[in-house]
Protein backbone atom coordinates (compact mmCIF):
# COMPACT_ATOMS: atom_id res chain seq x y z
CA MET A 1 112.29 97.80 120.46
CA ALA A 2 112.92 95.87 117.31
CA ARG A 3 115.42 96.41 115.16
CA PRO A 4 115.15 97.62 111.75
CA LYS A 5 115.93 95.37 108.62
CA SER A 6 119.14 95.60 107.16
CA ARG A 7 119.77 97.67 103.98
CA GLU A 8 120.99 94.27 102.36
CA ALA A 9 117.62 92.83 103.62
CA ILE A 10 115.46 95.71 102.09
CA LEU A 11 117.62 95.40 98.69
CA GLY A 12 116.76 91.47 98.78
CA GLU A 13 112.99 92.62 99.12
CA ILE A 14 113.17 94.82 96.22
CA GLN A 15 115.13 92.27 94.07
CA GLN A 16 112.12 89.58 94.58
CA LEU A 17 109.62 92.05 94.08
CA THR A 18 111.17 93.35 90.65
CA THR A 19 111.63 89.91 89.76
CA SER A 20 107.93 89.26 90.35
CA ILE A 21 106.52 92.10 88.39
CA ASP A 22 108.77 91.32 85.47
CA ALA A 23 107.61 87.89 85.56
CA LEU A 24 103.93 88.91 85.46
CA LYS A 25 105.01 91.30 82.84
CA LYS A 26 105.84 88.50 80.84
CA LYS A 27 102.47 86.68 81.87
CA LEU A 28 100.59 89.43 80.51
CA THR A 29 102.54 89.90 77.58
CA GLU A 30 101.93 85.79 76.94
CA HIS A 31 98.29 86.46 77.77
CA ASP A 32 97.80 89.42 75.31
CA LYS A 33 99.37 87.58 72.64
CA ALA A 34 97.20 84.55 73.18
CA GLU A 35 94.19 86.62 73.12
CA ALA A 36 95.01 88.38 69.71
CA ALA A 37 95.38 85.00 68.36
CA ARG A 38 91.88 83.86 69.34
CA ILE A 39 90.36 87.35 68.58
CA GLY A 40 92.03 87.14 65.01
CA GLY A 41 91.24 83.67 64.51
CA LEU A 42 87.46 84.19 65.40
CA ALA A 43 87.46 87.29 63.00
CA MET A 44 89.08 85.29 60.53
CA LYS A 45 86.41 82.58 60.88
CA ALA A 46 83.69 85.11 60.46
CA GLY A 47 85.10 86.47 57.10
CA LEU A 48 86.68 89.70 58.05
CA GLY A 49 89.98 88.67 56.44
CA SER A 50 88.37 88.38 53.23
CA ILE A 51 86.63 92.17 53.41
CA ALA A 52 89.07 95.05 52.65
CA ILE A 53 88.16 97.52 55.62
CA PRO A 54 90.02 100.54 56.63
CA GLU A 55 91.59 100.22 59.86
CA GLU A 56 89.82 102.97 61.68
CA VAL A 57 86.43 101.65 60.49
CA LEU A 58 87.26 98.35 61.70
CA THR A 59 88.89 99.65 65.13
CA LYS A 60 85.46 101.98 65.45
CA ALA A 61 83.42 98.59 64.55
CA PHE A 62 85.39 96.68 67.70
CA GLU A 63 84.81 99.68 69.98
CA GLU A 64 81.06 99.59 69.46
CA LEU A 65 81.28 95.66 69.73
CA VAL A 66 83.02 96.15 73.21
CA ALA A 67 80.62 98.67 74.64
CA ARG A 68 77.45 96.23 73.49
CA PHE A 69 79.14 93.48 74.97
CA ARG A 70 80.87 94.89 77.93
CA THR A 71 77.25 95.95 79.72
CA GLU A 72 76.04 92.36 78.97
CA TYR A 73 79.15 90.87 79.75
CA PRO A 74 80.49 93.15 82.63
CA GLU A 75 83.63 91.17 83.75
CA VAL A 76 86.09 88.27 82.40
CA ALA A 77 85.60 84.66 83.52
CA GLN A 78 88.44 83.71 85.49
CA PRO A 79 89.72 80.16 84.79
CA LYS A 80 88.90 77.93 87.64
CA ALA A 81 91.57 76.58 89.86
CA LYS A 82 93.21 73.23 89.13
CA GLY A 83 93.84 70.61 91.38
CA ARG A 84 93.27 70.43 95.44
CA ARG A 85 94.36 74.27 96.34
CA GLY A 86 91.27 75.41 94.12
CA ALA A 87 89.09 74.10 96.59
CA ARG A 88 89.84 76.61 99.36
CA SER A 89 91.90 79.91 99.42
CA ALA A 90 95.80 79.73 99.67
CA PRO A 91 97.62 81.03 102.86
CA GLU A 92 98.24 84.70 102.77
CA GLY A 93 101.70 84.93 101.04
CA ALA A 94 101.92 81.71 99.30
CA ASP A 95 102.09 82.92 96.08
CA ALA A 96 105.35 84.82 97.06
CA GLN A 97 106.84 81.79 98.14
CA ALA A 98 105.88 79.68 94.82
CA GLU A 99 108.02 82.06 92.80
């Protein structure tokens, strides 16, 4: 029978996962900020910055816009991979090794 992992090994795995989760949370925050800037820029370009619109009215309009386009464009396009790895799938666990 195989010997189970030591407590230290399991704690090490937990630390690695925690670090990975923290890094992903940071990436998500950066993504959301970039998207907010992009969408805000488009709103300004369209002229929304020069109209006094109550926040709840604007939020409702954005919700309607999302509902309209969600059916037409059901998923967010993922960026294409750069480099040679994009030509084929990465080996199992490669992402964890890259951290």
